[in-house]
């Protein structure tokens, strides 16, 4: 009954973003015990009560599952260098400090459960909006860049419509000889590097929130230290949680409901994966 009574001010994008994760991460850090302290100039409508109580981790690009993460984008960027000889393509420092959070736009996906949802024993978080998410860097609130990943074959990226559109944009910029052309160019190159992925990952249908040049925190994952930054969302941006196909779904739904209610997330709807998969 409570779910139907809440009018969610974030549910206006007519879109859903799916983040596959583990139960350990959900209980151990994603759902915070209390909202963050109120802030000045909140990154959303001031009429909405502040309640940043969801925290996801943007990890350094060198520690993603795809070992070519961002390297493939650098290769694509390198292929453009001969077209614009007067612009600086030196991007090694920007590559080192790129971090992002990944969201799929594919609902209840078996490959995504296997890759990111603990082989079906994890959870899928459903967000109704990504607007207003932020991280702190040196005391300042930073809003990420949102990109939709583009997937290219390793030897055919020059034929990509996305790359061709970038070339057209740079050509206009190059001819205009703007004073800030290099800054615009460098920012766009950063975005390209974080956007381009190999075609083998097309099933992820990925949207990213990307951060550049941030101060990192550190955590341990799979016996390696991973640099990351905490990224905060309003609690009402989390609208559903799906239970993986290989879990004891009925009992897990009961305890998940208890946990969410104890943290003030009564509005979150719990659903169960419909994939007939034992793992």
C-alpha atoms as a PDB file:
ATOM      1  CA  UNK A   1       0.000   0.000   0.000  1.00  0.00           C
ATOM      2  CA  UNK A   2       2.824   2.382   0.842  1.00  0.00           C
ATOM      3  CA  UNK A   3       4.328   1.944  -2.619  1.00  0.00           C
ATOM      4  CA  UNK A   4       1.165   3.246  -4.287  1.00  0.00           C
ATOM      5  CA  UNK A   5       0.893   6.277  -2.026  1.00  0.00           C
ATOM      6  CA  UNK A   6       4.283   7.793  -2.817  1.00  0.00           C
ATOM      7  CA  UNK A   7       4.576  10.269  -5.693  1.00  0.00           C
ATOM      8  CA  UNK A   8       8.165   9.948  -6.875  1.00  0.00           C
ATOM      9  CA  UNK A   9       9.505  13.275  -8.244  1.00  0.00           C
ATOM     10  CA  UNK A  10      12.401  11.508  -9.973  1.00  0.00           C
ATOM     11  CA  UNK A  11      10.198   9.191 -12.028  1.00  0.00           C
ATOM     12  CA  UNK A  12       9.982  11.587 -14.981  1.00  0.00           C
ATOM     13  CA  UNK A  13      12.615  10.342 -17.451  1.00  0.00           C
ATOM     14  CA  UNK A  14      10.454   7.462 -18.743  1.00  0.00           C
ATOM     15  CA  UNK A  15      13.560   5.270 -18.555  1.00  0.00           C
ATOM     16  CA  UNK A  16      15.076   2.612 -16.345  1.00  0.00           C
ATOM     17  CA  UNK A  17      18.735   1.960 -15.557  1.00  0.00           C
ATOM     18  CA  UNK A  18      19.800  -1.446 -14.208  1.00  0.00           C
ATOM     19  CA  UNK A  19      22.808  -1.977 -11.945  1.00  0.00           C
ATOM     20  CA  UNK A  20      23.666  -5.640 -11.265  1.00  0.00           C
ATOM     21  CA  UNK A  21      25.457  -6.243  -7.983  1.00  0.00           C
ATOM     22  CA  UNK A  22      25.824  -8.556  -4.985  1.00  0.00           C
ATOM     23  CA  UNK A  23      23.820  -8.819  -1.783  1.00  0.00           C
ATOM     24  CA  UNK A  24      27.017  -8.136   0.167  1.00  0.00           C
ATOM     25  CA  UNK A  25      27.457  -4.787  -1.602  1.00  0.00           C
ATOM     26  CA  UNK A  26      23.786  -3.899  -1.178  1.00  0.00           C
ATOM     27  CA  UNK A  27      23.802  -4.446   2.585  1.00  0.00           C
ATOM     28  CA  UNK A  28      27.424  -3.435   3.181  1.00  0.00           C
ATOM     29  CA  UNK A  29      27.508  -0.069   1.466  1.00  0.00           C
ATOM     30  CA  UNK A  30      24.949   0.704  -1.250  1.00  0.00           C
ATOM     31  CA  UNK A  31      22.037   1.367   1.125  1.00  0.00           C
ATOM     32  CA  UNK A  32      23.422   3.765   3.728  1.00  0.00           C
ATOM     33  CA  UNK A  33      22.159   3.562   7.328  1.00  0.00           C
ATOM     34  CA  UNK A  34      21.259   7.277   7.271  1.00  0.00           C
ATOM     35  CA  UNK A  35      21.029   9.994   4.593  1.00  0.00           C
ATOM     36  CA  UNK A  36      23.988  12.307   4.108  1.00  0.00           C
ATOM     37  CA  UNK A  37      23.850  15.583   6.066  1.00  0.00           C
ATOM     38  CA  UNK A  38      21.892  18.340   4.264  1.00  0.00           C
ATOM     39  CA  UNK A  39      23.948  20.330   1.768  1.00  0.00           C
ATOM     40  CA  UNK A  40      23.781  23.775   0.261  1.00  0.00           C
ATOM     41  CA  UNK A  41      22.596  24.003  -3.359  1.00  0.00           C
ATOM     42  CA  UNK A  42      21.402  20.381  -3.696  1.00  0.00           C
ATOM     43  CA  UNK A  43      21.847  18.907  -7.217  1.00  0.00           C
ATOM     44  CA  UNK A  44      18.119  18.523  -7.881  1.00  0.00           C
ATOM     45  CA  UNK A  45      14.856  20.407  -7.366  1.00  0.00           C
ATOM     46  CA  UNK A  46      15.180  22.311  -4.041  1.00  0.00           C
ATOM     47  CA  UNK A  47      11.549  21.493  -3.253  1.00  0.00           C
ATOM     48  CA  UNK A  48      12.447  17.788  -2.916  1.00  0.00           C
ATOM     49  CA  UNK A  49      13.556  16.877   0.634  1.00  0.00           C
ATOM     50  CA  UNK A  50      17.211  15.869   0.712  1.00  0.00           C
ATOM     51  CA  UNK A  51      17.791  12.156   1.227  1.00  0.00           C
ATOM     52  CA  UNK A  52      21.043  11.020  -0.409  1.00  0.00           C
ATOM     53  CA  UNK A  53      21.078   7.504   1.006  1.00  0.00           C
ATOM     54  CA  UNK A  54      22.228   5.361  -1.927  1.00  0.00           C
ATOM     55  CA  UNK A  55      25.959   5.032  -2.630  1.00  0.00           C
ATOM     56  CA  UNK A  56      27.505   3.295  -5.644  1.00  0.00           C
ATOM     57  CA  UNK A  57      31.222   3.030  -6.341  1.00  0.00           C
ATOM     58  CA  UNK A  58      32.827   4.444  -9.469  1.00  0.00           C
ATOM     59  CA  UNK A  59      35.925   2.315 -10.007  1.00  0.00           C
ATOM     60  CA  UNK A  60      39.105   3.242 -11.846  1.00  0.00           C
ATOM     61  CA  UNK A  61      38.869   2.132 -15.474  1.00  0.00           C
ATOM     62  CA  UNK A  62      41.992  -0.051 -15.203  1.00  0.00           C
ATOM     63  CA  UNK A  63      40.212  -2.367 -12.730  1.00  0.00           C
ATOM     64  CA  UNK A  64      37.108  -3.239 -14.765  1.00  0.00           C
ATOM     65  CA  UNK A  65      36.298  -6.745 -16.038  1.00  0.00           C
ATOM     66  CA  UNK A  66      37.179  -5.691 -19.583  1.00  0.00           C
ATOM     67  CA  UNK A  67      40.987  -5.670 -19.582  1.00  0.00           C
ATOM     68  CA  UNK A  68      40.950  -3.383 -22.641  1.00  0.00           C
ATOM     69  CA  UNK A  69      38.740  -0.835 -20.862  1.00  0.00           C
ATOM     70  CA  UNK A  70      39.638   2.651 -22.187  1.00  0.00           C
ATOM     71  CA  UNK A  71      42.651   1.232 -24.076  1.00  0.00           C
ATOM     72  CA  UNK A  72      40.427   0.486 -27.045  1.00  0.00           C
ATOM     73  CA  UNK A  73      39.124   4.057 -26.861  1.00  0.00           C
ATOM     74  CA  UNK A  74      42.713   5.340 -26.836  1.00  0.00           C
ATOM     75  CA  UNK A  75      43.425   3.313 -29.968  1.00  0.00           C
ATOM     76  CA  UNK A  76      40.408   4.849 -31.672  1.00  0.00           C
ATOM     77  CA  UNK A  77      41.512   8.337 -30.606  1.00  0.00           C
ATOM     78  CA  UNK A  78      44.996   7.648 -31.982  1.00  0.00           C
ATOM     79  CA  UNK A  79      43.488   6.885 -35.379  1.00  0.00           C
ATOM     80  CA  UNK A  80      42.133  10.445 -35.527  1.00  0.00           C
ATOM     81  CA  UNK A  81      45.461  12.149 -34.844  1.00  0.00           C
ATOM     82  CA  UNK A  82      46.568  12.510 -38.467  1.00  0.00           C
ATOM     83  CA  UNK A  83      43.381  14.417 -39.303  1.00  0.00           C
ATOM     84  CA  UNK A  84      44.058  17.178 -36.755  1.00  0.00           C
ATOM     85  CA  UNK A  85      47.837  17.745 -36.574  1.00  0.00           C
ATOM     86  CA  UNK A  86      47.655  21.042 -34.672  1.00  0.00           C
ATOM     87  CA  UNK A  87      45.705  19.659 -31.704  1.00  0.00           C
ATOM     88  CA  UNK A  88      47.324  17.980 -28.715  1.00  0.00           C
ATOM     89  CA  UNK A  89      46.513  14.279 -28.437  1.00  0.00           C
ATOM     90  CA  UNK A  90      48.495  13.756 -25.223  1.00  0.00           C
ATOM     91  CA  UNK A  91      45.934  11.981 -23.003  1.00  0.00           C
ATOM     92  CA  UNK A  92      47.877   9.536 -20.836  1.00  0.00           C
ATOM     93  CA  UNK A  93      47.193  11.472 -17.624  1.00  0.00           C
ATOM     94  CA  UNK A  94      43.478  11.719 -18.360  1.00  0.00           C
ATOM     95  CA  UNK A  95      43.292   7.993 -19.017  1.00  0.00           C
ATOM     96  CA  UNK A  96      44.903   7.143 -15.678  1.00  0.00           C
ATOM     97  CA  UNK A  97      42.255   9.008 -13.666  1.00  0.00           C
ATOM     98  CA  UNK A  98      39.046   7.925 -15.383  1.00  0.00           C
ATOM     99  CA  UNK A  99      36.437   6.250 -13.148  1.00  0.00           C
ATOM    100  CA  UNK A 100      32.862   5.274 -13.831  1.00  0.00           C
ATOM    101  CA  UNK A 101      29.730   3.438 -12.723  1.00  0.00           C
ATOM    102  CA  UNK A 102      28.041   1.117 -15.205  1.00  0.00           C
ATOM    103  CA  UNK A 103      24.317   0.682 -15.774  1.00  0.00           C
ATOM    104  CA  UNK A 104      22.691  -1.649 -18.252  1.00  0.00           C
ATOM    105  CA  UNK A 105      19.512  -0.851 -20.121  1.00  0.00           C
ATOM    106  CA  UNK A 106      18.706  -4.546 -20.501  1.00  0.00           C
ATOM    107  CA  UNK A 107      16.238  -5.903 -17.953  1.00  0.00           C
ATOM    108  CA  UNK A 108      16.762  -9.296 -16.283  1.00  0.00           C
ATOM    109  CA  UNK A 109      19.640 -10.338 -18.528  1.00  0.00           C
ATOM    110  CA  UNK A 110      21.241 -13.752 -17.991  1.00  0.00           C
ATOM    111  CA  UNK A 111      24.703 -12.646 -19.227  1.00  0.00           C
ATOM    112  CA  UNK A 112      24.534  -9.654 -16.875  1.00  0.00           C
ATOM    113  CA  UNK A 113      23.497 -11.832 -13.936  1.00  0.00           C
ATOM    114  CA  UNK A 114      26.413 -14.166 -14.674  1.00  0.00           C
ATOM    115  CA  UNK A 115      28.991 -11.405 -15.146  1.00  0.00           C
ATOM    116  CA  UNK A 116      28.005  -8.875 -12.476  1.00  0.00           C
ATOM    117  CA  UNK A 117      25.265 -10.443 -10.327  1.00  0.00           C
ATOM    118  CA  UNK A 118      27.232 -13.254  -8.708  1.00  0.00           C
ATOM    119  CA  UNK A 119      26.148 -15.886 -11.233  1.00  0.00           C
ATOM    120  CA  UNK A 120      22.502 -15.131 -10.525  1.00  0.00           C
ATOM    121  CA  UNK A 121      22.731 -15.019  -6.730  1.00  0.00           C
ATOM    122  CA  UNK A 122      22.951 -11.214  -6.547  1.00  0.00           C
ATOM    123  CA  UNK A 123      20.506  -8.382  -7.105  1.00  0.00           C
ATOM    124  CA  UNK A 124      19.567  -5.960  -9.871  1.00  0.00           C
ATOM    125  CA  UNK A 125      18.966  -2.377  -8.714  1.00  0.00           C
ATOM    126  CA  UNK A 126      16.536  -0.354 -10.814  1.00  0.00           C
ATOM    127  CA  UNK A 127      16.988   3.423 -10.986  1.00  0.00           C
ATOM    128  CA  UNK A 128      14.336   5.705 -12.436  1.00  0.00           C
ATOM    129  CA  UNK A 129      16.820   8.553 -12.968  1.00  0.00           C
ATOM    130  CA  UNK A 130      20.557   9.208 -12.928  1.00  0.00           C
ATOM    131  CA  UNK A 131      20.199  12.993 -12.759  1.00  0.00           C
ATOM    132  CA  UNK A 132      21.721  14.733  -9.779  1.00  0.00           C
ATOM    133  CA  UNK A 133      24.152  11.942  -8.833  1.00  0.00           C
ATOM    134  CA  UNK A 134      27.391  13.392  -7.489  1.00  0.00           C
ATOM    135  CA  UNK A 135      30.730  12.689  -5.819  1.00  0.00           C
ATOM    136  CA  UNK A 136      32.948  14.838  -3.619  1.00  0.00           C
ATOM    137  CA  UNK A 137      36.423  15.855  -4.765  1.00  0.00           C
ATOM    138  CA  UNK A 138      38.623  18.086  -2.617  1.00  0.00           C
ATOM    139  CA  UNK A 139      35.548  19.382  -0.838  1.00  0.00           C
ATOM    140  CA  UNK A 140      33.634  20.211  -4.042  1.00  0.00           C
ATOM    141  CA  UNK A 141      30.576  18.394  -5.337  1.00  0.00           C
ATOM    142  CA  UNK A 142      31.241  16.953  -8.819  1.00  0.00           C
ATOM    143  CA  UNK A 143      28.501  15.993 -11.280  1.00  0.00           C
ATOM    144  CA  UNK A 144      29.508  13.142 -13.636  1.00  0.00           C
ATOM    145  CA  UNK A 145      29.391  13.025 -17.417  1.00  0.00           C
ATOM    146  CA  UNK A 146      26.750  10.588 -18.684  1.00  0.00           C
ATOM    147  CA  UNK A 147      27.623   8.570 -21.804  1.00  0.00           C
ATOM    148  CA  UNK A 148      25.966   5.785 -23.751  1.00  0.00           C
ATOM    149  CA  UNK A 149      28.590   3.236 -24.767  1.00  0.00           C
ATOM    150  CA  UNK A 150      29.294   2.700 -28.455  1.00  0.00           C
ATOM    151  CA  UNK A 151      30.406  -0.752 -29.578  1.00  0.00           C
ATOM    152  CA  UNK A 152      32.841  -1.192 -32.458  1.00  0.00           C
ATOM    153  CA  UNK A 153      34.623  -4.059 -34.146  1.00  0.00           C
ATOM    154  CA  UNK A 154      38.338  -3.918 -33.451  1.00  0.00           C
ATOM    155  CA  UNK A 155      39.342  -3.424 -37.102  1.00  0.00           C
ATOM    156  CA  UNK A 156      36.320  -1.461 -38.330  1.00  0.00           C
ATOM    157  CA  UNK A 157      35.950   1.420 -35.863  1.00  0.00           C
ATOM    158  CA  UNK A 158      36.742   3.970 -38.582  1.00  0.00           C
ATOM    159  CA  UNK A 159      33.390   3.057 -40.163  1.00  0.00           C
ATOM    160  CA  UNK A 160      31.459   3.731 -36.956  1.00  0.00           C
ATOM    161  CA  UNK A 161      28.716   6.355 -37.319  1.00  0.00           C
ATOM    162  CA  UNK A 162      29.657   7.601 -33.846  1.00  0.00           C
ATOM    163  CA  UNK A 163      33.307   8.133 -34.802  1.00  0.00           C
ATOM    164  CA  UNK A 164      32.278   9.783 -38.062  1.00  0.00           C
ATOM    165  CA  UNK A 165      30.082  12.217 -36.131  1.00  0.00           C
ATOM    166  CA  UNK A 166      33.041  13.031 -33.865  1.00  0.00           C
ATOM    167  CA  UNK A 167      35.255  13.663 -36.890  1.00  0.00           C
ATOM    168  CA  UNK A 168      32.637  16.039 -38.312  1.00  0.00           C
ATOM    169  CA  UNK A 169      32.430  17.883 -34.973  1.00  0.00           C
ATOM    170  CA  UNK A 170      36.223  18.195 -34.727  1.00  0.00           C
ATOM    171  CA  UNK A 171      36.481  19.371 -38.315  1.00  0.00           C
ATOM    172  CA  UNK A 172      34.164  22.286 -37.591  1.00  0.00           C
ATOM    173  CA  UNK A 173      36.040  23.027 -34.373  1.00  0.00           C
ATOM    174  CA  UNK A 174      39.380  22.837 -36.130  1.00  0.00           C
ATOM    175  CA  UNK A 175      38.321  25.237 -38.881  1.00  0.00           C
ATOM    176  CA  UNK A 176      36.752  27.688 -36.433  1.00  0.00           C
ATOM    177  CA  UNK A 177      40.118  28.269 -34.690  1.00  0.00           C
ATOM    178  CA  UNK A 178      38.480  29.003 -31.346  1.00  0.00           C
ATOM    179  CA  UNK A 179      40.705  30.134 -28.493  1.00  0.00           C
ATOM    180  CA  UNK A 180      39.379  27.328 -26.283  1.00  0.00           C
ATOM    181  CA  UNK A 181      39.438  24.725 -29.057  1.00  0.00           C
ATOM    182  CA  UNK A 182      42.096  22.629 -27.304  1.00  0.00           C
ATOM    183  CA  UNK A 183      40.105  22.463 -24.051  1.00  0.00           C
ATOM    184  CA  UNK A 184      36.931  21.469 -25.899  1.00  0.00           C
ATOM    185  CA  UNK A 185      38.914  18.946 -27.915  1.00  0.00           C
ATOM    186  CA  UNK A 186      40.572  17.396 -24.856  1.00  0.00           C
ATOM    187  CA  UNK A 187      37.260  17.091 -22.976  1.00  0.00           C
ATOM    188  CA  UNK A 188      35.677  15.405 -25.985  1.00  0.00           C
ATOM    189  CA  UNK A 189      38.591  12.994 -26.325  1.00  0.00           C
ATOM    190  CA  UNK A 190      38.208  12.047 -22.668  1.00  0.00           C
ATOM    191  CA  UNK A 191      34.568  11.284 -23.346  1.00  0.00           C
ATOM    192  CA  UNK A 192      35.395   9.185 -26.417  1.00  0.00           C
ATOM    193  CA  UNK A 193      37.900   7.097 -24.470  1.00  0.00           C
ATOM    194  CA  UNK A 194      35.253   6.317 -21.831  1.00  0.00           C
ATOM    195  CA  UNK A 195      32.545   5.632 -24.440  1.00  0.00           C
ATOM    196  CA  UNK A 196      34.047   3.247 -26.999  1.00  0.00           C
ATOM    197  CA  UNK A 197      33.995  -0.491 -26.216  1.00  0.00           C
ATOM    198  CA  UNK A 198      34.680  -3.639 -28.172  1.00  0.00           C
ATOM    199  CA  UNK A 199      31.716  -5.259 -29.892  1.00  0.00           C
ATOM    200  CA  UNK A 200      31.973  -8.359 -27.681  1.00  0.00           C
ATOM    201  CA  UNK A 201      30.396  -6.322 -24.837  1.00  0.00           C
ATOM    202  CA  UNK A 202      27.427  -5.090 -26.834  1.00  0.00           C
ATOM    203  CA  UNK A 203      25.037  -7.259 -24.795  1.00  0.00           C
ATOM    204  CA  UNK A 204      25.644  -4.951 -21.809  1.00  0.00           C
ATOM    205  CA  UNK A 205      23.803  -2.056 -23.506  1.00  0.00           C
ATOM    206  CA  UNK A 206      25.686   0.192 -21.118  1.00  0.00           C
ATOM    207  CA  UNK A 207      25.139   3.716 -19.834  1.00  0.00           C
ATOM    208  CA  UNK A 208      27.967   5.180 -17.752  1.00  0.00           C
ATOM    209  CA  UNK A 209      28.448   7.940 -15.234  1.00  0.00           C
ATOM    210  CA  UNK A 210      32.042   9.059 -15.784  1.00  0.00           C
ATOM    211  CA  UNK A 211      34.399  11.060 -13.557  1.00  0.00           C
ATOM    212  CA  UNK A 212      37.804  12.478 -14.482  1.00  0.00           C
ATOM    213  CA  UNK A 213      40.800  13.483 -12.331  1.00  0.00           C
ATOM    214  CA  UNK A 214      39.316  12.573  -8.948  1.00  0.00           C
ATOM    215  CA  UNK A 215      40.935  11.800  -5.587  1.00  0.00           C
ATOM    216  CA  UNK A 216      40.451   8.101  -4.895  1.00  0.00           C
ATOM    217  CA  UNK A 217      39.495   5.972  -1.944  1.00  0.00           C
ATOM    218  CA  UNK A 218      40.556   2.308  -1.911  1.00  0.00           C
ATOM    219  CA  UNK A 219      38.863  -1.046  -1.350  1.00  0.00           C
ATOM    220  CA  UNK A 220      39.783  -4.705  -1.787  1.00  0.00           C
ATOM    221  CA  UNK A 221      38.037  -6.792  -4.441  1.00  0.00           C
ATOM    222  CA  UNK A 222      39.098 -10.229  -5.696  1.00  0.00           C
ATOM    223  CA  UNK A 223      42.393  -9.989  -3.794  1.00  0.00           C
ATOM    224  CA  UNK A 224      43.436  -6.680  -5.365  1.00  0.00           C
ATOM    225  CA  UNK A 225      43.261  -3.072  -4.176  1.00  0.00           C
ATOM    226  CA  UNK A 226      40.810  -1.124  -6.351  1.00  0.00           C
ATOM    227  CA  UNK A 227      40.781   2.717  -6.515  1.00  0.00           C
ATOM    228  CA  UNK A 228      37.240   4.089  -6.416  1.00  0.00           C
ATOM    229  CA  UNK A 229      35.080   7.082  -5.504  1.00  0.00           C
ATOM    230  CA  UNK A 230      31.706   6.993  -3.689  1.00  0.00           C
ATOM    231  CA  UNK A 231      28.836   8.396  -5.771  1.00  0.00           C
ATOM    232  CA  UNK A 232      25.611   9.429  -4.078  1.00  0.00           C
ATOM    233  CA  UNK A 233      21.989   9.208  -5.239  1.00  0.00           C
ATOM    234  CA  UNK A 234      18.699  10.284  -3.725  1.00  0.00           C
ATOM    235  CA  UNK A 235      16.867   7.354  -2.131  1.00  0.00           C
ATOM    236  CA  UNK A 236      13.831   7.907  -4.388  1.00  0.00           C
ATOM    237  CA  UNK A 237      15.992   7.274  -7.460  1.00  0.00           C
ATOM    238  CA  UNK A 238      16.120   3.607  -6.434  1.00  0.00           C
ATOM    239  CA  UNK A 239      12.671   2.273  -7.305  1.00  0.00           C
ATOM    240  CA  UNK A 240      12.988  -1.536  -7.567  1.00  0.00           C
ATOM    241  CA  UNK A 241      15.300  -4.371  -6.557  1.00  0.00           C
ATOM    242  CA  UNK A 242      15.186  -7.686  -8.406  1.00  0.00           C
ATOM    243  CA  UNK A 243      16.340 -10.925  -6.788  1.00  0.00           C
ATOM    244  CA  UNK A 244      18.609 -13.116  -8.900  1.00  0.00           C
ATOM    245  CA  UNK A 245      17.442 -16.373 -10.508  1.00  0.00           C
ATOM    246  CA  UNK A 246      19.713 -18.690  -8.504  1.00  0.00           C
ATOM    247  CA  UNK A 247      18.710 -17.377  -5.069  1.00  0.00           C
ATOM    248  CA  UNK A 248      16.160 -18.809  -2.645  1.00  0.00           C
ATOM    249  CA  UNK A 249      13.879 -16.098  -3.978  1.00  0.00           C
ATOM    250  CA  UNK A 250      10.964 -16.362  -1.531  1.00  0.00           C
ATOM    251  CA  UNK A 251      13.037 -16.241   1.632  1.00  0.00           C
ATOM    252  CA  UNK A 252      15.373 -13.649   0.159  1.00  0.00           C
ATOM    253  CA  UNK A 253      12.404 -11.421  -0.695  1.00  0.00           C
ATOM    254  CA  UNK A 254      11.213 -11.579   2.913  1.00  0.00           C
ATOM    255  CA  UNK A 255      14.548 -10.603   4.452  1.00  0.00           C
ATOM    256  CA  UNK A 256      15.222  -7.987   1.781  1.00  0.00           C
ATOM    257  CA  UNK A 257      11.874  -6.369   2.561  1.00  0.00           C
ATOM    258  CA  UNK A 258      12.767  -6.278   6.256  1.00  0.00           C
ATOM    259  CA  UNK A 259      16.164  -4.735   5.515  1.00  0.00           C
ATOM    260  CA  UNK A 260      14.783  -2.061   3.166  1.00  0.00           C
ATOM    261  CA  UNK A 261      12.019  -1.073   5.567  1.00  0.00           C
ATOM    262  CA  UNK A 262      14.537  -0.782   8.414  1.00  0.00           C
ATOM    263  CA  UNK A 263      16.473   1.791   6.340  1.00  0.00           C
ATOM    264  CA  UNK A 264      13.401   3.768   5.290  1.00  0.00           C
ATOM    265  CA  UNK A 265      13.119   2.355   1.748  1.00  0.00           C
ATOM    266  CA  UNK A 266       9.492   1.265   1.978  1.00  0.00           C
ATOM    267  CA  UNK A 267       8.887   2.687  -1.512  1.00  0.00           C
ATOM    268  CA  UNK A 268      11.238   0.191  -3.204  1.00  0.00           C
ATOM    269  CA  UNK A 269       9.381  -2.629  -4.967  1.00  0.00           C
ATOM    270  CA  UNK A 270      10.898  -6.110  -4.772  1.00  0.00           C
ATOM    271  CA  UNK A 271      10.676  -8.377  -7.818  1.00  0.00           C
ATOM    272  CA  UNK A 272      12.108 -11.751  -8.747  1.00  0.00           C
ATOM    273  CA  UNK A 273      14.046 -12.707 -11.858  1.00  0.00           C
ATOM    274  CA  UNK A 274      11.910 -14.725 -14.214  1.00  0.00           C
ATOM    275  CA  UNK A 275      14.841 -16.545 -15.837  1.00  0.00           C
ATOM    276  CA  UNK A 276      14.655 -20.362 -15.287  1.00  0.00           C
ATOM    277  CA  UNK A 277      18.297 -20.773 -14.349  1.00  0.00           C
ATOM    278  CA  UNK A 278      19.864 -22.901 -11.577  1.00  0.00           C
ATOM    279  CA  UNK A 279      23.452 -21.674 -12.013  1.00  0.00           C
END
